[in-house]
Amino acid sequence: MLGLTISFTSFLISFYTCKLIIEATGDDADFSDTLKKYYGMKGYYAGILSPCLLIVGAVTVLFVIMSQLSYPIFLAIFSWTTGNKPEMINKPTFSQFSSSYTAIILFFVVIAVCSKKDLGIFMKMGSFGAIFVTMLMIFIIGTGVMGF
């Protein structure tokens, strides 16, 4: 119930904010034009740069999360290919296989994926998102039921 309440409250706040932006924009083609009209060139540049900064922050957080979640997978692959059983290291270090190496590997994988011109395969993979979310929900419910 708390999650539903927070989600609905966030919806109301977002809806009201969008309504205010639409009313303030009027006949302007873009919201940055509205900012330019009311705040001058500083407002215009703020309207252009703010979404860019938000996207950079979101991509950075996504990369950190992907790196942390990929570390056990890369550790298992490293273990299977070398036959060694390395221990999981939680602090970044380059003396052993750690999350630092995972971040470097993931960086080059992301660069290779982003350099593709035809992204059709990724769009097809994205269509399976509902299946994976359903599988994750079944796993969480099953783990919760078996835990009791």
N, C-alpha and C. Protein backbone atom coordinates (compact mmCIF):
# COMPACT_ATOMS: atom_id res chain seq x y z
N MET A 1 0.82 -1.20 0.00
CA MET A 1 0.00 0.00 0.00
C MET A 1 0.87 1.26 0.00
N LEU A 2 1.99 1.20 0.73
CA LEU A 2 2.87 2.37 0.76
C LEU A 2 3.44 2.64 -0.62
N GLY A 3 3.82 1.59 -1.35
CA GLY A 3 4.34 1.77 -2.70
C GLY A 3 3.32 2.36 -3.64
N LEU A 4 2.08 1.89 -3.53
CA LEU A 4 1.01 2.46 -4.36
C LEU A 4 0.76 3.93 -4.02
N THR A 5 0.79 4.25 -2.75
CA THR A 5 0.58 5.64 -2.32
C THR A 5 1.69 6.54 -2.84
N ILE A 6 2.93 6.09 -2.72
CA ILE A 6 4.06 6.89 -3.20
C ILE A 6 4.00 7.03 -4.72
N SER A 7 3.67 5.95 -5.42
CA SER A 7 3.57 6.02 -6.89
C SER A 7 2.46 6.97 -7.33
N PHE A 8 1.32 6.90 -6.68
CA PHE A 8 0.21 7.77 -7.05
C PHE A 8 0.53 9.23 -6.72
N THR A 9 1.18 9.49 -5.60
CA THR A 9 1.58 10.85 -5.26
C THR A 9 2.58 11.39 -6.27
N SER A 10 3.54 10.55 -6.67
CA SER A 10 4.50 10.96 -7.70
C SER A 10 3.79 11.26 -9.01
N PHE A 11 2.79 10.46 -9.35
CA PHE A 11 2.01 10.70 -10.56
C PHE A 11 1.32 12.06 -10.49
N LEU A 12 0.70 12.35 -9.37
CA LEU A 12 -0.01 13.62 -9.24
C LEU A 12 0.94 14.81 -9.36
N ILE A 13 2.08 14.72 -8.71
CA ILE A 13 3.06 15.81 -8.78
C ILE A 13 3.58 15.98 -10.20
N SER A 14 3.88 14.87 -10.88
CA SER A 14 4.36 14.94 -12.26
C SER A 14 3.29 15.51 -13.19
N PHE A 15 2.05 15.07 -13.00
CA PHE A 15 0.96 15.57 -13.83
C PHE A 15 0.78 17.08 -13.65
N TYR A 16 0.81 17.54 -12.42
CA TYR A 16 0.64 18.96 -12.14
C TYR A 16 1.80 19.76 -12.73
N THR A 17 3.02 19.25 -12.62
CA THR A 17 4.18 19.92 -13.18
C THR A 17 4.07 20.03 -14.70
N CYS A 18 3.67 18.95 -15.36
CA CYS A 18 3.48 18.97 -16.81
C CYS A 18 2.39 19.96 -17.21
N LYS A 19 1.33 20.02 -16.43
CA LYS A 19 0.23 20.96 -16.70
C LYS A 19 0.74 22.40 -16.61
N LEU A 20 1.54 22.70 -15.58
CA LEU A 20 2.10 24.04 -15.44
C LEU A 20 3.04 24.39 -16.59
N ILE A 21 3.84 23.43 -17.03
CA ILE A 21 4.76 23.68 -18.14
C ILE A 21 3.99 23.95 -19.42
N ILE A 22 2.94 23.17 -19.67
CA ILE A 22 2.14 23.37 -20.89
C ILE A 22 1.45 24.72 -20.86
N GLU A 23 0.94 25.12 -19.71
CA GLU A 23 0.28 26.43 -19.61
C GLU A 23 1.28 27.57 -19.78
N ALA A 24 2.49 27.41 -19.23
CA ALA A 24 3.50 28.47 -19.34
C ALA A 24 4.07 28.56 -20.75
N THR A 25 4.14 27.43 -21.44
CA THR A 25 4.72 27.42 -22.78
C THR A 25 3.83 28.14 -23.78
N GLY A 26 2.54 27.93 -23.71
CA GLY A 26 1.62 28.60 -24.62
C GLY A 26 1.85 28.19 -26.06
N ASP A 27 2.18 29.16 -26.92
CA ASP A 27 2.39 28.89 -28.35
C ASP A 27 3.85 28.68 -28.71
N ASP A 28 4.74 28.66 -27.74
CA ASP A 28 6.16 28.46 -28.04
C ASP A 28 6.38 27.05 -28.58
N ALA A 29 7.35 26.93 -29.47
CA ALA A 29 7.64 25.64 -30.10
C ALA A 29 8.33 24.69 -29.13
N ASP A 30 9.12 25.23 -28.21
CA ASP A 30 9.91 24.40 -27.30
C ASP A 30 9.95 25.08 -25.94
N PHE A 31 10.14 24.27 -24.89
CA PHE A 31 10.17 24.85 -23.54
C PHE A 31 11.40 25.72 -23.34
N SER A 32 12.51 25.40 -24.03
CA SER A 32 13.69 26.25 -23.90
C SER A 32 13.43 27.64 -24.50
N ASP A 33 12.54 27.74 -25.49
CA ASP A 33 12.15 29.05 -26.01
C ASP A 33 11.37 29.84 -24.95
N THR A 34 10.56 29.13 -24.18
CA THR A 34 9.82 29.77 -23.10
C THR A 34 10.79 30.26 -22.02
N LEU A 35 11.78 29.45 -21.70
CA LEU A 35 12.79 29.87 -20.73
C LEU A 35 13.56 31.09 -21.24
N LYS A 36 13.83 31.12 -22.54
CA LYS A 36 14.53 32.27 -23.13
C LYS A 36 13.67 33.53 -23.02
N LYS A 37 12.36 33.37 -23.23
CA LYS A 37 11.45 34.51 -23.16
C LYS A 37 11.39 35.09 -21.75
N TYR A 38 11.35 34.22 -20.74
CA TYR A 38 11.19 34.69 -19.36
C TYR A 38 12.52 34.97 -18.66
N TYR A 39 13.58 34.22 -18.98
CA TYR A 39 14.84 34.32 -18.24
C TYR A 39 16.03 34.75 -19.09
N GLY A 40 15.85 34.97 -20.37
CA GLY A 40 16.95 35.41 -21.23
C GLY A 40 17.81 34.23 -21.68
N MET A 41 19.01 34.57 -22.13
CA MET A 41 19.90 33.53 -22.67
C MET A 41 20.37 32.55 -21.58
N LYS A 42 20.51 33.02 -20.35
CA LYS A 42 20.91 32.11 -19.28
C LYS A 42 19.85 31.03 -19.07
N GLY A 43 18.60 31.41 -19.11
CA GLY A 43 17.52 30.44 -18.98
C GLY A 43 17.47 29.48 -20.15
N TYR A 44 17.75 30.01 -21.35
CA TYR A 44 17.76 29.17 -22.55
C TYR A 44 18.84 28.09 -22.44
N TYR A 45 20.05 28.51 -22.06
CA TYR A 45 21.14 27.54 -21.92
C TYR A 45 20.88 26.56 -20.76
N ALA A 46 20.27 27.05 -19.70
CA ALA A 46 19.91 26.15 -18.60
C ALA A 46 18.90 25.12 -19.06
N GLY A 47 17.94 25.54 -19.91
CA GLY A 47 16.94 24.61 -20.42
C GLY A 47 17.52 23.58 -21.36
N ILE A 48 18.62 23.91 -22.03
CA ILE A 48 19.27 22.96 -22.93
C ILE A 48 20.23 22.05 -22.17
N LEU A 49 20.99 22.60 -21.23
CA LEU A 49 22.02 21.82 -20.54
C LEU A 49 21.49 20.94 -19.41
N SER A 50 20.41 21.33 -18.77
CA SER A 50 19.88 20.55 -17.65
C SER A 50 19.51 19.12 -18.03
N PRO A 51 18.77 18.89 -19.13
CA PRO A 51 18.49 17.49 -19.49
C PRO A 51 19.75 16.70 -19.84
N CYS A 52 20.74 17.38 -20.42
CA CYS A 52 21.99 16.69 -20.73
C CYS A 52 22.68 16.21 -19.46
N LEU A 53 22.71 17.06 -18.45
CA LEU A 53 23.33 16.68 -17.18
C LEU A 53 22.56 15.54 -16.51
N LEU A 54 21.24 15.58 -16.60
CA LEU A 54 20.44 14.50 -16.04
C LEU A 54 20.72 13.17 -16.74
N ILE A 55 20.86 13.21 -18.05
CA ILE A 55 21.13 11.99 -18.80
C ILE A 55 22.52 11.45 -18.46
N VAL A 56 23.52 12.34 -18.34
CA VAL A 56 24.86 11.89 -17.97
C VAL A 56 24.84 11.24 -16.59
N GLY A 57 24.11 11.82 -15.65
CA GLY A 57 24.00 11.22 -14.31
C GLY A 57 23.31 9.87 -14.35
N ALA A 58 22.24 9.77 -15.12
CA ALA A 58 21.51 8.50 -15.22
C ALA A 58 22.37 7.42 -15.88
N VAL A 59 23.12 7.79 -16.92
CA VAL A 59 23.99 6.82 -17.59
C VAL A 59 25.11 6.38 -16.65
N THR A 60 25.64 7.29 -15.86
CA THR A 60 26.69 6.94 -14.91
C THR A 60 26.17 5.96 -13.86
N VAL A 61 25.00 6.23 -13.32
CA VAL A 61 24.40 5.32 -12.34
C VAL A 61 24.12 3.97 -12.97
N LEU A 62 23.59 3.96 -14.19
CA LEU A 62 23.32 2.70 -14.88
C LEU A 62 24.59 1.90 -15.09
N PHE A 63 25.68 2.57 -15.47
CA PHE A 63 26.95 1.88 -15.69
C PHE A 63 27.48 1.28 -14.39
N VAL A 64 27.38 2.02 -13.30
CA VAL A 64 27.85 1.51 -12.00
C VAL A 64 27.02 0.29 -11.59
N ILE A 65 25.70 0.37 -11.75
CA ILE A 65 24.84 -0.76 -11.39
C ILE A 65 25.13 -1.96 -12.27
N MET A 66 25.28 -1.73 -13.58
CA MET A 66 25.60 -2.84 -14.49
C MET A 66 26.94 -3.46 -14.14
N SER A 67 27.90 -2.64 -13.77
CA SER A 67 29.22 -3.16 -13.40
C SER A 67 29.15 -4.01 -12.13
N GLN A 68 28.39 -3.54 -11.14
CA GLN A 68 28.28 -4.29 -9.89
C GLN A 68 27.51 -5.59 -10.08
N LEU A 69 26.49 -5.57 -10.93
CA LEU A 69 25.72 -6.78 -11.16
C LEU A 69 26.44 -7.76 -12.09
N SER A 70 27.34 -7.26 -12.93
CA SER A 70 28.08 -8.13 -13.84
C SER A 70 29.27 -8.80 -13.18
N TYR A 71 29.74 -8.24 -12.06
CA TYR A 71 30.94 -8.78 -11.42
C TYR A 71 30.81 -10.27 -11.05
N PRO A 72 29.74 -10.71 -10.42
CA PRO A 72 29.65 -12.15 -10.13
C PRO A 72 29.59 -13.02 -11.39
N ILE A 73 28.97 -12.50 -12.45
CA ILE A 73 28.90 -13.26 -13.70
C ILE A 73 30.29 -13.38 -14.32
N PHE A 74 31.02 -12.26 -14.38
CA PHE A 74 32.38 -12.31 -14.91
C PHE A 74 33.30 -13.15 -14.03
N LEU A 75 33.06 -13.12 -12.73
CA LEU A 75 33.85 -13.95 -11.81
C LEU A 75 33.60 -15.42 -12.07
N ALA A 76 32.36 -15.81 -12.34
CA ALA A 76 32.05 -17.21 -12.67
C ALA A 76 32.68 -17.61 -14.00
N ILE A 77 32.61 -16.75 -14.99
CA ILE A 77 33.24 -17.05 -16.29
C ILE A 77 34.75 -17.17 -16.12
N PHE A 78 35.35 -16.27 -15.34
CA PHE A 78 36.78 -16.33 -15.06
C PHE A 78 37.13 -17.63 -14.36
N SER A 79 36.29 -18.06 -13.43
CA SER A 79 36.52 -19.31 -12.70
C SER A 79 36.42 -20.52 -13.63
N TRP A 80 35.42 -20.52 -14.51
CA TRP A 80 35.24 -21.66 -15.42
C TRP A 80 36.35 -21.75 -16.45
N THR A 81 36.83 -20.62 -16.94
CA THR A 81 37.87 -20.65 -17.98
C THR A 81 39.25 -20.96 -17.41
N THR A 82 39.55 -20.52 -16.21
CA THR A 82 40.88 -20.75 -15.64
C THR A 82 40.94 -21.97 -14.74
N GLY A 83 39.82 -22.42 -14.23
CA GLY A 83 39.79 -23.55 -13.31
C GLY A 83 40.08 -23.15 -11.87
N ASN A 84 40.44 -21.91 -11.64
CA ASN A 84 40.67 -21.42 -10.28
C ASN A 84 39.36 -20.99 -9.66
N LYS A 85 39.33 -20.96 -8.34
CA LYS A 85 38.15 -20.46 -7.64
C LYS A 85 38.56 -19.18 -6.92
N PRO A 86 38.47 -18.05 -7.62
CA PRO A 86 38.87 -16.79 -6.97
C PRO A 86 37.82 -16.33 -5.98
N GLU A 87 38.26 -15.58 -4.98
CA GLU A 87 37.32 -15.06 -4.00
C GLU A 87 36.74 -13.73 -4.49
N MET A 88 35.55 -13.43 -4.01
CA MET A 88 34.87 -12.19 -4.40
C MET A 88 35.45 -11.05 -3.58
N ILE A 89 36.01 -10.06 -4.27
CA ILE A 89 36.64 -8.92 -3.62
C ILE A 89 35.70 -7.73 -3.74
N ASN A 90 35.36 -7.12 -2.62
CA ASN A 90 34.39 -6.02 -2.62
C ASN A 90 35.04 -4.65 -2.81
N LYS A 91 36.34 -4.55 -2.62
CA LYS A 91 36.99 -3.25 -2.80
C LYS A 91 37.72 -3.24 -4.15
N PRO A 92 37.78 -2.08 -4.81
CA PRO A 92 38.44 -2.02 -6.11
C PRO A 92 39.95 -2.20 -5.98
N THR A 93 40.48 -3.15 -6.70
CA THR A 93 41.91 -3.41 -6.73
C THR A 93 42.28 -3.99 -8.08
N PHE A 94 43.53 -3.78 -8.49
CA PHE A 94 43.99 -4.34 -9.75
C PHE A 94 44.97 -5.49 -9.53
N SER A 95 45.23 -5.85 -8.28
CA SER A 95 46.16 -6.95 -8.02
C SER A 95 45.51 -8.30 -8.29
N GLN A 96 44.19 -8.40 -8.15
CA GLN A 96 43.44 -9.63 -8.44
C GLN A 96 42.23 -9.25 -9.29
N PHE A 97 41.53 -10.28 -9.78
CA PHE A 97 40.33 -10.00 -10.56
C PHE A 97 39.27 -9.42 -9.63
N SER A 98 38.88 -8.17 -9.88
CA SER A 98 37.93 -7.48 -9.01
C SER A 98 36.91 -6.73 -9.86
N SER A 99 36.08 -5.94 -9.21
CA SER A 99 35.08 -5.16 -9.91
C SER A 99 35.72 -4.09 -10.80
N SER A 100 36.99 -3.75 -10.54
CA SER A 100 37.68 -2.80 -11.40
C SER A 100 37.85 -3.36 -12.81
N TYR A 101 38.26 -4.63 -12.88
CA TYR A 101 38.37 -5.27 -14.18
C TYR A 101 37.00 -5.43 -14.84
N THR A 102 35.98 -5.68 -14.05
CA THR A 102 34.63 -5.81 -14.59
C THR A 102 34.19 -4.49 -15.23
N ALA A 103 34.49 -3.38 -14.60
CA ALA A 103 34.12 -2.07 -15.16
C ALA A 103 34.85 -1.82 -16.47
N ILE A 104 36.12 -2.21 -16.56
CA ILE A 104 36.87 -2.02 -17.80
C ILE A 104 36.31 -2.90 -18.91
N ILE A 105 36.03 -4.17 -18.60
CA ILE A 105 35.45 -5.08 -19.60
C ILE A 105 34.09 -4.56 -20.05
N LEU A 106 33.27 -4.15 -19.11
CA LEU A 106 31.94 -3.65 -19.44
C LEU A 106 32.02 -2.37 -20.27
N PHE A 107 33.01 -1.53 -20.01
CA PHE A 107 33.18 -0.31 -20.79
C PHE A 107 33.42 -0.64 -22.25
N PHE A 108 34.30 -1.60 -22.52
CA PHE A 108 34.58 -1.96 -23.91
C PHE A 108 33.39 -2.67 -24.56
N VAL A 109 32.64 -3.44 -23.78
CA VAL A 109 31.42 -4.06 -24.32
C VAL A 109 30.40 -3.00 -24.70
N VAL A 110 30.22 -2.00 -23.85
CA VAL A 110 29.26 -0.92 -24.14
C VAL A 110 29.71 -0.12 -25.36
N ILE A 111 31.02 0.15 -25.49
CA ILE A 111 31.54 0.86 -26.66
C ILE A 111 31.27 0.05 -27.92
N ALA A 112 31.48 -1.27 -27.87
CA ALA A 112 31.23 -2.11 -29.04
C ALA A 112 29.75 -2.13 -29.41
N VAL A 113 28.88 -2.19 -28.41
CA VAL A 113 27.44 -2.19 -28.67
C VAL A 113 26.99 -0.85 -29.24
N CYS A 114 27.50 0.24 -28.69
CA CYS A 114 27.09 1.57 -29.15
C CYS A 114 27.62 1.90 -30.54
N SER A 115 28.66 1.22 -31.00
CA SER A 115 29.20 1.52 -32.32
C SER A 115 28.47 0.80 -33.44
N LYS A 116 27.51 -0.07 -33.11
CA LYS A 116 26.73 -0.75 -34.15
C LYS A 116 25.80 0.23 -34.83
N LYS A 117 25.65 0.06 -36.14
CA LYS A 117 24.74 0.93 -36.88
C LYS A 117 23.33 0.36 -36.89
N ASP A 118 23.20 -0.95 -36.95
CA ASP A 118 21.88 -1.58 -36.98
C ASP A 118 21.54 -2.07 -35.57
N LEU A 119 20.60 -1.41 -34.93
CA LEU A 119 20.22 -1.76 -33.56
C LEU A 119 18.96 -2.60 -33.51
N GLY A 120 18.57 -3.21 -34.62
CA GLY A 120 17.34 -4.01 -34.69
C GLY A 120 17.36 -5.18 -33.73
N ILE A 121 18.52 -5.82 -33.55
CA ILE A 121 18.61 -6.97 -32.65
C ILE A 121 18.31 -6.55 -31.21
N PHE A 122 18.74 -5.34 -30.82
CA PHE A 122 18.49 -4.88 -29.46
C PHE A 122 17.04 -4.51 -29.26
N MET A 123 16.39 -4.02 -30.31
CA MET A 123 14.97 -3.74 -30.21
C MET A 123 14.18 -5.03 -30.07
N LYS A 124 14.61 -6.07 -30.78
CA LYS A 124 13.95 -7.37 -30.64
C LYS A 124 14.17 -7.94 -29.24
N MET A 125 15.38 -7.76 -28.69
CA MET A 125 15.65 -8.25 -27.34
C MET A 125 14.83 -7.46 -26.31
N GLY A 126 14.62 -6.17 -26.56
CA GLY A 126 13.84 -5.34 -25.66
C GLY A 126 12.38 -5.76 -25.60
N SER A 127 11.91 -6.38 -26.67
CA SER A 127 10.51 -6.83 -26.68
C SER A 127 10.29 -8.01 -25.74
N PHE A 128 11.37 -8.67 -25.33
CA PHE A 128 11.26 -9.78 -24.38
C PHE A 128 11.27 -9.30 -22.93
N GLY A 129 11.27 -7.99 -22.72
CA GLY A 129 11.35 -7.43 -21.37
C GLY A 129 10.23 -7.90 -20.47
N ALA A 130 9.02 -7.98 -21.00
CA ALA A 130 7.88 -8.41 -20.19
C ALA A 130 8.07 -9.85 -19.72
N ILE A 131 8.65 -10.68 -20.57
CA ILE A 131 8.90 -12.09 -20.20
C ILE A 131 9.91 -12.15 -19.06
N PHE A 132 10.98 -11.36 -19.16
CA PHE A 132 12.00 -11.38 -18.12
C PHE A 132 11.48 -10.80 -16.81
N VAL A 133 10.65 -9.78 -16.88
CA VAL A 133 10.06 -9.22 -15.66
C VAL A 133 9.15 -10.25 -15.01
N THR A 134 8.39 -10.97 -15.83
CA THR A 134 7.51 -12.02 -15.29
C THR A 134 8.34 -13.11 -14.63
N MET A 135 9.42 -13.53 -15.29
CA MET A 135 10.29 -14.55 -14.70
C MET A 135 10.88 -14.07 -13.37
N LEU A 136 11.28 -12.80 -13.32
CA LEU A 136 11.83 -12.23 -12.09
C LEU A 136 10.79 -12.21 -10.98
N MET A 137 9.55 -11.85 -11.31
CA MET A 137 8.48 -11.84 -10.31
C MET A 137 8.21 -13.25 -9.80
N ILE A 138 8.18 -14.24 -10.69
CA ILE A 138 7.97 -15.63 -10.27
C ILE A 138 9.11 -16.08 -9.36
N PHE A 139 10.35 -15.70 -9.69
CA PHE A 139 11.49 -16.05 -8.86
C PHE A 139 11.38 -15.43 -7.47
N ILE A 140 11.02 -14.15 -7.41
CA ILE A 140 10.91 -13.47 -6.12
C ILE A 140 9.79 -14.08 -5.28
N ILE A 141 8.65 -14.33 -5.89
CA ILE A 141 7.52 -14.93 -5.16
C ILE A 141 7.88 -16.34 -4.71
N GLY A 142 8.51 -17.11 -5.61
CA GLY A 142 8.90 -18.48 -5.26
C GLY A 142 9.92 -18.51 -4.15
N THR A 143 10.88 -17.60 -4.19
CA THR A 143 11.88 -17.54 -3.11
C THR A 143 11.23 -17.14 -1.81
N GLY A 144 10.28 -16.21 -1.88
CA GLY A 144 9.58 -15.79 -0.65
C GLY A 144 8.74 -16.89 -0.07
N VAL A 145 8.06 -17.67 -0.92
CA VAL A 145 7.22 -18.76 -0.44
C VAL A 145 8.07 -19.89 0.12
N MET A 146 9.15 -20.21 -0.56
CA MET A 146 10.00 -21.31 -0.08
C MET A 146 10.78 -20.94 1.17
N GLY A 147 10.99 -19.63 1.38
CA GLY A 147 11.72 -19.18 2.56
C GLY A 147 10.93 -19.35 3.84
N PHE A 148 9.60 -19.42 3.73
CA PHE A 148 8.78 -19.54 4.93
C PHE A 148 8.46 -20.95 5.17
